[in-house]
Amino acid sequence: MGEVWHGAADLVLGARCAGCGRPGLGACAACTAAVRGSPPLLVAGLPDALPVVYAGGAYTGELRRLLLAAKERNGLGLVPLLGERLAAAVAAWALEEGSGLTVVLVPVPTAPAQVIARGVDLTAALARVAARRLRRAGLPVRTWAGLRLCRRPQDQSELGRSGRLANLVGAFTVARALPMGQVVVVDDIVTTGATLREAVRACVADGRLPAAGATVAATARTGTRRGAR
């Protein structure tokens, strides 16, 4: 039935897979399989202030194209698939270093203008999908969207590593008390680690040291490597 619907949608709407351009809605079967087959990565080359960080895959190929579509082309239908990769990253950390306590996924805050433009807080939505999948797998997980922007940082896209790190210092704050459990800060992608580092700083300022970071994808510049530490 799903294939019939995708075919009909293509005829009527001209819909194309966000990963490869084949006819269909969201992600085609081949791109979905490629993304799901991407192994989680332990991310290296990040600032020393960060805890261990895992990613659901490398920011290349189908995963990169689908994540870009979700971020830049309102591809909300891709959130369930991308949320799976975030769940895979958290699960990889839990397998290596989890303590059995409740895991609290803390999404980094999204600028209000981006939420309005996309119609959704993408990072928070990914965290909710990941939490549901992890709970179904038996891991005690909840989400806590209590980080807030307390100032508007400069656009990060044109900044280098040091510029990104400096740009975000003091940009986040904790709006209410963090719940008990192992805090894992989450984002869609890690490049220099600047955003995750600021999320960790805000949590530490509230008296909680996050146990880990997790993202859907990690860029090559971070020095991703497979496997556990």
C-alpha atoms as a PDB file:
ATOM      1  CA  MET A   1       0.000   0.000   0.000  1.00  0.00           C
ATOM      2  CA  GLY A   2       2.883   2.344   0.827  1.00  0.00           C
ATOM      3  CA  GLU A   3       4.415   1.880  -2.631  1.00  0.00           C
ATOM      4  CA  VAL A   4       1.052   2.625  -4.259  1.00  0.00           C
ATOM      5  CA  TRP A   5       0.717   5.815  -2.210  1.00  0.00           C
ATOM      6  CA  HIS A   6       4.265   6.933  -3.055  1.00  0.00           C
ATOM      7  CA  GLY A   7       3.638   6.294  -6.736  1.00  0.00           C
ATOM      8  CA  ALA A   8       0.346   8.171  -6.690  1.00  0.00           C
ATOM      9  CA  ALA A   9       1.935  11.071  -4.843  1.00  0.00           C
ATOM     10  CA  ASP A  10       4.630  11.295  -7.489  1.00  0.00           C
ATOM     11  CA  LEU A  11       2.076  11.388 -10.279  1.00  0.00           C
ATOM     12  CA  VAL A  12      -0.021  14.046  -8.584  1.00  0.00           C
ATOM     13  CA  LEU A  13       2.586  16.113  -6.744  1.00  0.00           C
ATOM     14  CA  GLY A  14       5.842  15.307  -8.496  1.00  0.00           C
ATOM     15  CA  ALA A  15       7.285  14.201  -5.149  1.00  0.00           C
ATOM     16  CA  ARG A  16      10.888  13.019  -5.044  1.00  0.00           C
ATOM     17  CA  CYS A  17      13.043  11.241  -2.501  1.00  0.00           C
ATOM     18  CA  ALA A  18      15.040  13.820  -0.561  1.00  0.00           C
ATOM     19  CA  GLY A  19      18.063  11.540  -0.622  1.00  0.00           C
ATOM     20  CA  CYS A  20      18.416  10.557  -4.269  1.00  0.00           C
ATOM     21  CA  GLY A  21      15.656  12.243  -6.268  1.00  0.00           C
ATOM     22  CA  ARG A  22      13.797   9.051  -7.138  1.00  0.00           C
ATOM     23  CA  PRO A  23       9.985   9.306  -7.272  1.00  0.00           C
ATOM     24  CA  GLY A  24       8.358   9.077  -3.856  1.00  0.00           C
ATOM     25  CA  LEU A  25       7.739  10.877  -0.592  1.00  0.00           C
ATOM     26  CA  GLY A  26      10.349  11.521   2.084  1.00  0.00           C
ATOM     27  CA  ALA A  27      13.066   8.886   1.741  1.00  0.00           C
ATOM     28  CA  CYS A  28      12.901   5.979  -0.705  1.00  0.00           C
ATOM     29  CA  ALA A  29      13.515   2.400   0.391  1.00  0.00           C
ATOM     30  CA  ALA A  30      17.127   2.432  -0.827  1.00  0.00           C
ATOM     31  CA  CYS A  31      18.032   5.651   0.991  1.00  0.00           C
ATOM     32  CA  THR A  32      16.218   4.498   4.119  1.00  0.00           C
ATOM     33  CA  ALA A  33      18.190   1.248   4.092  1.00  0.00           C
ATOM     34  CA  ALA A  34      21.465   3.123   3.564  1.00  0.00           C
ATOM     35  CA  VAL A  35      20.794   5.444   6.498  1.00  0.00           C
ATOM     36  CA  ARG A  36      19.708   2.605   8.771  1.00  0.00           C
ATOM     37  CA  GLY A  37      22.810   0.652   7.829  1.00  0.00           C
ATOM     38  CA  SER A  38      25.107   3.472   8.914  1.00  0.00           C
ATOM     39  CA  PRO A  39      26.934   2.406  12.116  1.00  0.00           C
ATOM     40  CA  PRO A  40      27.024   4.773  15.100  1.00  0.00           C
ATOM     41  CA  LEU A  41      30.312   6.606  15.584  1.00  0.00           C
ATOM     42  CA  LEU A  42      32.329   7.682  18.569  1.00  0.00           C
ATOM     43  CA  VAL A  43      33.310  11.264  17.731  1.00  0.00           C
ATOM     44  CA  ALA A  44      36.895  12.410  18.247  1.00  0.00           C
ATOM     45  CA  GLY A  45      38.577  15.789  17.809  1.00  0.00           C
ATOM     46  CA  LEU A  46      36.094  17.786  19.912  1.00  0.00           C
ATOM     47  CA  PRO A  47      36.787  20.397  22.629  1.00  0.00           C
ATOM     48  CA  ASP A  48      38.195  18.997  25.869  1.00  0.00           C
ATOM     49  CA  ALA A  49      35.271  20.437  27.833  1.00  0.00           C
ATOM     50  CA  LEU A  50      32.904  17.965  26.174  1.00  0.00           C
ATOM     51  CA  PRO A  51      32.025  14.524  27.515  1.00  0.00           C
ATOM     52  CA  VAL A  52      32.041  11.544  25.175  1.00  0.00           C
ATOM     53  CA  VAL A  53      29.962  12.182  22.032  1.00  0.00           C
ATOM     54  CA  TYR A  54      28.350   9.604  19.747  1.00  0.00           C
ATOM     55  CA  ALA A  55      26.777  10.213  16.331  1.00  0.00           C
ATOM     56  CA  GLY A  56      24.267   8.114  14.422  1.00  0.00           C
ATOM     57  CA  GLY A  57      26.475   8.205  11.339  1.00  0.00           C
ATOM     58  CA  ALA A  58      28.900  10.241   9.257  1.00  0.00           C
ATOM     59  CA  TYR A  59      27.574  13.415   7.634  1.00  0.00           C
ATOM     60  CA  THR A  60      27.940  12.096   4.098  1.00  0.00           C
ATOM     61  CA  GLY A  61      25.832  10.564   1.343  1.00  0.00           C
ATOM     62  CA  GLU A  62      22.188   9.836   2.000  1.00  0.00           C
ATOM     63  CA  LEU A  63      22.308  10.837   5.662  1.00  0.00           C
ATOM     64  CA  ARG A  64      23.710  14.255   4.791  1.00  0.00           C
ATOM     65  CA  ARG A  65      21.151  14.874   2.046  1.00  0.00           C
ATOM     66  CA  LEU A  66      18.213  13.786   4.196  1.00  0.00           C
ATOM     67  CA  LEU A  67      19.350  15.859   7.158  1.00  0.00           C
ATOM     68  CA  LEU A  68      19.756  18.911   4.935  1.00  0.00           C
ATOM     69  CA  ALA A  69      16.263  18.352   3.540  1.00  0.00           C
ATOM     70  CA  ALA A  70      14.821  18.177   7.047  1.00  0.00           C
ATOM     71  CA  LYS A  71      16.623  21.369   8.073  1.00  0.00           C
ATOM     72  CA  GLU A  72      16.318  23.479   4.946  1.00  0.00           C
ATOM     73  CA  ARG A  73      13.340  22.202   2.966  1.00  0.00           C
ATOM     74  CA  ASN A  74      10.780  21.514   5.696  1.00  0.00           C
ATOM     75  CA  GLY A  75      11.219  17.761   5.382  1.00  0.00           C
ATOM     76  CA  LEU A  76       9.259  16.970   8.522  1.00  0.00           C
ATOM     77  CA  GLY A  77       8.404  13.525   7.189  1.00  0.00           C
ATOM     78  CA  LEU A  78      12.094  12.653   7.592  1.00  0.00           C
ATOM     79  CA  VAL A  79      12.104  13.235  11.359  1.00  0.00           C
ATOM     80  CA  PRO A  80      11.171   9.606  12.263  1.00  0.00           C
ATOM     81  CA  LEU A  81      14.054   8.164  10.218  1.00  0.00           C
ATOM     82  CA  LEU A  82      16.566  10.729  11.445  1.00  0.00           C
ATOM     83  CA  GLY A  83      15.338  10.267  15.000  1.00  0.00           C
ATOM     84  CA  GLU A  84      16.240   6.581  14.637  1.00  0.00           C
ATOM     85  CA  ARG A  85      19.861   7.583  14.036  1.00  0.00           C
ATOM     86  CA  LEU A  86      19.846   9.776  17.128  1.00  0.00           C
ATOM     87  CA  ALA A  87      18.452   6.830  19.078  1.00  0.00           C
ATOM     88  CA  ALA A  88      21.242   4.639  17.672  1.00  0.00           C
ATOM     89  CA  ALA A  89      23.837   7.141  18.900  1.00  0.00           C
ATOM     90  CA  VAL A  90      22.359   7.211  22.409  1.00  0.00           C
ATOM     91  CA  ALA A  91      22.076   3.416  22.457  1.00  0.00           C
ATOM     92  CA  ALA A  92      25.742   3.070  21.449  1.00  0.00           C
ATOM     93  CA  TRP A  93      26.750   5.277  24.375  1.00  0.00           C
ATOM     94  CA  ALA A  94      24.424   3.458  26.800  1.00  0.00           C
ATOM     95  CA  LEU A  95      25.875   0.103  25.756  1.00  0.00           C
ATOM     96  CA  GLU A  96      29.412   1.297  26.503  1.00  0.00           C
ATOM     97  CA  GLU A  97      28.981   3.666  29.418  1.00  0.00           C
ATOM     98  CA  GLY A  98      25.401   3.822  30.632  1.00  0.00           C
ATOM     99  CA  SER A  99      24.708   3.174  34.313  1.00  0.00           C
ATOM    100  CA  GLY A 100      21.113   1.953  34.112  1.00  0.00           C
ATOM    101  CA  LEU A 101      19.744   5.228  35.470  1.00  0.00           C
ATOM    102  CA  THR A 102      17.094   7.158  33.570  1.00  0.00           C
ATOM    103  CA  VAL A 103      18.577   8.953  30.573  1.00  0.00           C
ATOM    104  CA  VAL A 104      17.497  12.571  30.125  1.00  0.00           C
ATOM    105  CA  LEU A 105      17.822  13.766  26.524  1.00  0.00           C
ATOM    106  CA  VAL A 106      18.392  17.527  26.488  1.00  0.00           C
ATOM    107  CA  PRO A 107      18.028  19.041  22.989  1.00  0.00           C
ATOM    108  CA  VAL A 108      20.047  22.159  22.254  1.00  0.00           C
ATOM    109  CA  PRO A 109      17.767  25.184  21.837  1.00  0.00           C
ATOM    110  CA  THR A 110      16.672  26.334  18.397  1.00  0.00           C
ATOM    111  CA  ALA A 111      16.321  30.000  17.501  1.00  0.00           C
ATOM    112  CA  PRO A 112      12.629  31.045  17.514  1.00  0.00           C
ATOM    113  CA  ALA A 113      12.916  32.307  13.925  1.00  0.00           C
ATOM    114  CA  GLN A 114      14.016  28.850  12.768  1.00  0.00           C
ATOM    115  CA  VAL A 115      11.174  27.184  14.642  1.00  0.00           C
ATOM    116  CA  ILE A 116       8.691  29.520  12.952  1.00  0.00           C
ATOM    117  CA  ALA A 117      10.239  29.003   9.507  1.00  0.00           C
ATOM    118  CA  ARG A 118      10.260  25.198   9.818  1.00  0.00           C
ATOM    119  CA  GLY A 119       7.013  24.896  11.738  1.00  0.00           C
ATOM    120  CA  VAL A 120       8.749  22.697  14.305  1.00  0.00           C
ATOM    121  CA  ASP A 121      11.689  22.656  16.698  1.00  0.00           C
ATOM    122  CA  LEU A 122      13.645  20.053  14.737  1.00  0.00           C
ATOM    123  CA  THR A 123      16.135  19.085  17.436  1.00  0.00           C
ATOM    124  CA  ALA A 124      13.410  18.688  20.056  1.00  0.00           C
ATOM    125  CA  ALA A 125      11.348  16.603  17.612  1.00  0.00           C
ATOM    126  CA  LEU A 126      14.332  14.343  16.909  1.00  0.00           C
ATOM    127  CA  ALA A 127      14.874  13.913  20.653  1.00  0.00           C
ATOM    128  CA  ARG A 128      11.244  12.881  21.167  1.00  0.00           C
ATOM    129  CA  VAL A 129      11.442  10.287  18.387  1.00  0.00           C
ATOM    130  CA  ALA A 130      14.700   8.928  19.804  1.00  0.00           C
ATOM    131  CA  ALA A 131      13.250   8.713  23.312  1.00  0.00           C
ATOM    132  CA  ARG A 132      10.216   6.758  22.113  1.00  0.00           C
ATOM    133  CA  ARG A 133      12.386   4.258  20.236  1.00  0.00           C
ATOM    134  CA  LEU A 134      14.732   3.805  23.166  1.00  0.00           C
ATOM    135  CA  ARG A 135      11.866   3.268  25.600  1.00  0.00           C
ATOM    136  CA  ARG A 136      10.457   0.585  23.309  1.00  0.00           C
ATOM    137  CA  ALA A 137      13.887  -1.069  23.446  1.00  0.00           C
ATOM    138  CA  GLY A 138      13.742  -1.083  27.248  1.00  0.00           C
ATOM    139  CA  LEU A 139      15.968   1.905  28.048  1.00  0.00           C
ATOM    140  CA  PRO A 140      14.486   4.356  30.578  1.00  0.00           C
ATOM    141  CA  VAL A 141      14.560   7.669  28.699  1.00  0.00           C
ATOM    142  CA  ARG A 142      12.801  10.999  28.888  1.00  0.00           C
ATOM    143  CA  THR A 143      13.272  14.325  27.114  1.00  0.00           C
ATOM    144  CA  TRP A 144      13.720  17.712  28.744  1.00  0.00           C
ATOM    145  CA  ALA A 145      13.556  20.786  26.508  1.00  0.00           C
ATOM    146  CA  GLY A 146      14.604  23.260  29.191  1.00  0.00           C
ATOM    147  CA  LEU A 147      17.604  24.924  27.558  1.00  0.00           C
ATOM    148  CA  ARG A 148      16.919  28.407  26.206  1.00  0.00           C
ATOM    149  CA  LEU A 149      18.781  30.987  24.146  1.00  0.00           C
ATOM    150  CA  CYS A 150      19.582  33.942  26.384  1.00  0.00           C
ATOM    151  CA  ARG A 151      21.195  35.955  23.594  1.00  0.00           C
ATOM    152  CA  ARG A 152      21.235  35.756  19.830  1.00  0.00           C
ATOM    153  CA  PRO A 153      24.603  34.479  18.555  1.00  0.00           C
ATOM    154  CA  GLN A 154      26.060  35.311  15.160  1.00  0.00           C
ATOM    155  CA  ASP A 155      25.286  32.966  12.260  1.00  0.00           C
ATOM    156  CA  GLN A 156      27.740  30.084  12.603  1.00  0.00           C
ATOM    157  CA  SER A 157      27.930  29.099   8.933  1.00  0.00           C
ATOM    158  CA  GLU A 158      30.771  31.476   8.007  1.00  0.00           C
ATOM    159  CA  LEU A 159      32.801  31.007  11.189  1.00  0.00           C
ATOM    160  CA  GLY A 160      35.818  28.782  11.698  1.00  0.00           C
ATOM    161  CA  ARG A 161      36.389  26.491  14.654  1.00  0.00           C
ATOM    162  CA  SER A 162      37.672  29.126  17.095  1.00  0.00           C
ATOM    163  CA  GLY A 163      35.052  31.619  15.950  1.00  0.00           C
ATOM    164  CA  ARG A 164      32.237  29.137  16.520  1.00  0.00           C
ATOM    165  CA  LEU A 165      33.486  28.291  19.982  1.00  0.00           C
ATOM    166  CA  ALA A 166      33.723  31.963  20.982  1.00  0.00           C
ATOM    167  CA  ASN A 167      30.441  32.911  19.337  1.00  0.00           C
ATOM    168  CA  LEU A 168      28.305  30.621  21.479  1.00  0.00           C
ATOM    169  CA  VAL A 169      29.852  31.185  24.907  1.00  0.00           C
ATOM    170  CA  GLY A 170      27.087  32.283  27.279  1.00  0.00           C
ATOM    171  CA  ALA A 171      24.332  31.875  24.670  1.00  0.00           C
ATOM    172  CA  PHE A 172      22.327  29.159  26.501  1.00  0.00           C
ATOM    173  CA  THR A 173      20.701  29.073  29.893  1.00  0.00           C
ATOM    174  CA  VAL A 174      18.700  26.525  31.877  1.00  0.00           C
ATOM    175  CA  ALA A 175      15.101  27.705  32.187  1.00  0.00           C
ATOM    176  CA  ARG A 176      14.074  25.278  34.930  1.00  0.00           C
ATOM    177  CA  ALA A 177      15.637  22.608  37.096  1.00  0.00           C
ATOM    178  CA  LEU A 178      17.009  19.578  35.284  1.00  0.00           C
ATOM    179  CA  PRO A 179      15.322  16.282  36.238  1.00  0.00           C
ATOM    180  CA  MET A 180      17.316  13.512  37.859  1.00  0.00           C
ATOM    181  CA  GLY A 181      19.099  11.052  35.604  1.00  0.00           C
ATOM    182  CA  GLN A 182      22.026  10.819  33.208  1.00  0.00           C
ATOM    183  CA  VAL A 183      21.956  13.950  31.070  1.00  0.00           C
ATOM    184  CA  VAL A 184      22.741  13.510  27.375  1.00  0.00           C
ATOM    185  CA  VAL A 185      22.774  16.726  25.330  1.00  0.00           C
ATOM    186  CA  VAL A 186      21.553  16.150  21.776  1.00  0.00           C
ATOM    187  CA  ASP A 187      21.728  17.995  18.458  1.00  0.00           C
ATOM    188  CA  ASP A 188      21.190  17.210  14.800  1.00  0.00           C
ATOM    189  CA  ILE A 189      24.845  17.470  13.766  1.00  0.00           C
ATOM    190  CA  VAL A 190      28.235  18.036  15.377  1.00  0.00           C
ATOM    191  CA  THR A 191      30.875  19.952  13.425  1.00  0.00           C
ATOM    192  CA  THR A 192      33.273  21.724  15.798  1.00  0.00           C
ATOM    193  CA  GLY A 193      31.446  20.813  18.998  1.00  0.00           C
ATOM    194  CA  ALA A 194      30.731  24.471  19.813  1.00  0.00           C
ATOM    195  CA  THR A 195      26.974  24.047  20.248  1.00  0.00           C
ATOM    196  CA  LEU A 196      27.274  20.925  22.374  1.00  0.00           C
ATOM    197  CA  ARG A 197      29.983  22.571  24.466  1.00  0.00           C
ATOM    198  CA  GLU A 198      27.727  25.530  25.234  1.00  0.00           C
ATOM    199  CA  ALA A 199      24.865  23.183  26.146  1.00  0.00           C
ATOM    200  CA  VAL A 200      27.200  21.339  28.518  1.00  0.00           C
ATOM    201  CA  ARG A 201      28.377  24.650  30.038  1.00  0.00           C
ATOM    202  CA  ALA A 202      24.779  25.718  30.702  1.00  0.00           C
ATOM    203  CA  CYS A 203      23.991  22.386  32.384  1.00  0.00           C
ATOM    204  CA  VAL A 204      27.144  22.566  34.508  1.00  0.00           C
ATOM    205  CA  ALA A 205      26.226  26.116  35.547  1.00  0.00           C
ATOM    206  CA  ASP A 206      22.967  24.635  36.848  1.00  0.00           C
ATOM    207  CA  GLY A 207      24.894  22.042  38.830  1.00  0.00           C
ATOM    208  CA  ARG A 208      24.682  19.061  36.458  1.00  0.00           C
ATOM    209  CA  LEU A 209      27.512  17.557  34.437  1.00  0.00           C
ATOM    210  CA  PRO A 210      26.158  15.824  31.308  1.00  0.00           C
ATOM    211  CA  ALA A 211      27.267  12.227  30.860  1.00  0.00           C
ATOM    212  CA  ALA A 212      27.413  12.375  27.062  1.00  0.00           C
ATOM    213  CA  GLY A 213      26.464  14.109  23.860  1.00  0.00           C
ATOM    214  CA  ALA A 214      24.617  12.525  20.926  1.00  0.00           C
ATOM    215  CA  THR A 215      23.819  13.692  17.407  1.00  0.00           C
ATOM    216  CA  VAL A 216      22.217  12.357  14.260  1.00  0.00           C
ATOM    217  CA  ALA A 217      25.442  12.885  12.294  1.00  0.00           C
ATOM    218  CA  ALA A 218      29.040  14.069  12.611  1.00  0.00           C
ATOM    219  CA  THR A 219      31.115  15.845   9.975  1.00  0.00           C
ATOM    220  CA  ALA A 220      34.452  14.509   8.798  1.00  0.00           C
ATOM    221  CA  ARG A 221      36.357  17.418  10.368  1.00  0.00           C
ATOM    222  CA  THR A 222      35.554  16.090  13.837  1.00  0.00           C
ATOM    223  CA  GLY A 223      37.649  12.985  13.230  1.00  0.00           C
ATOM    224  CA  THR A 224      34.879  10.439  13.625  1.00  0.00           C
ATOM    225  CA  ARG A 225      35.877   6.871  14.327  1.00  0.00           C
ATOM    226  CA  ARG A 226      33.906   3.696  14.683  1.00  0.00           C
ATOM    227  CA  GLY A 227      33.544   1.693  17.836  1.00  0.00           C
ATOM    228  CA  ALA A 228      33.911   2.395  21.513  1.00  0.00           C
ATOM    229  CA  ARG A 229      36.693   4.165  23.311  1.00  0.00           C
END
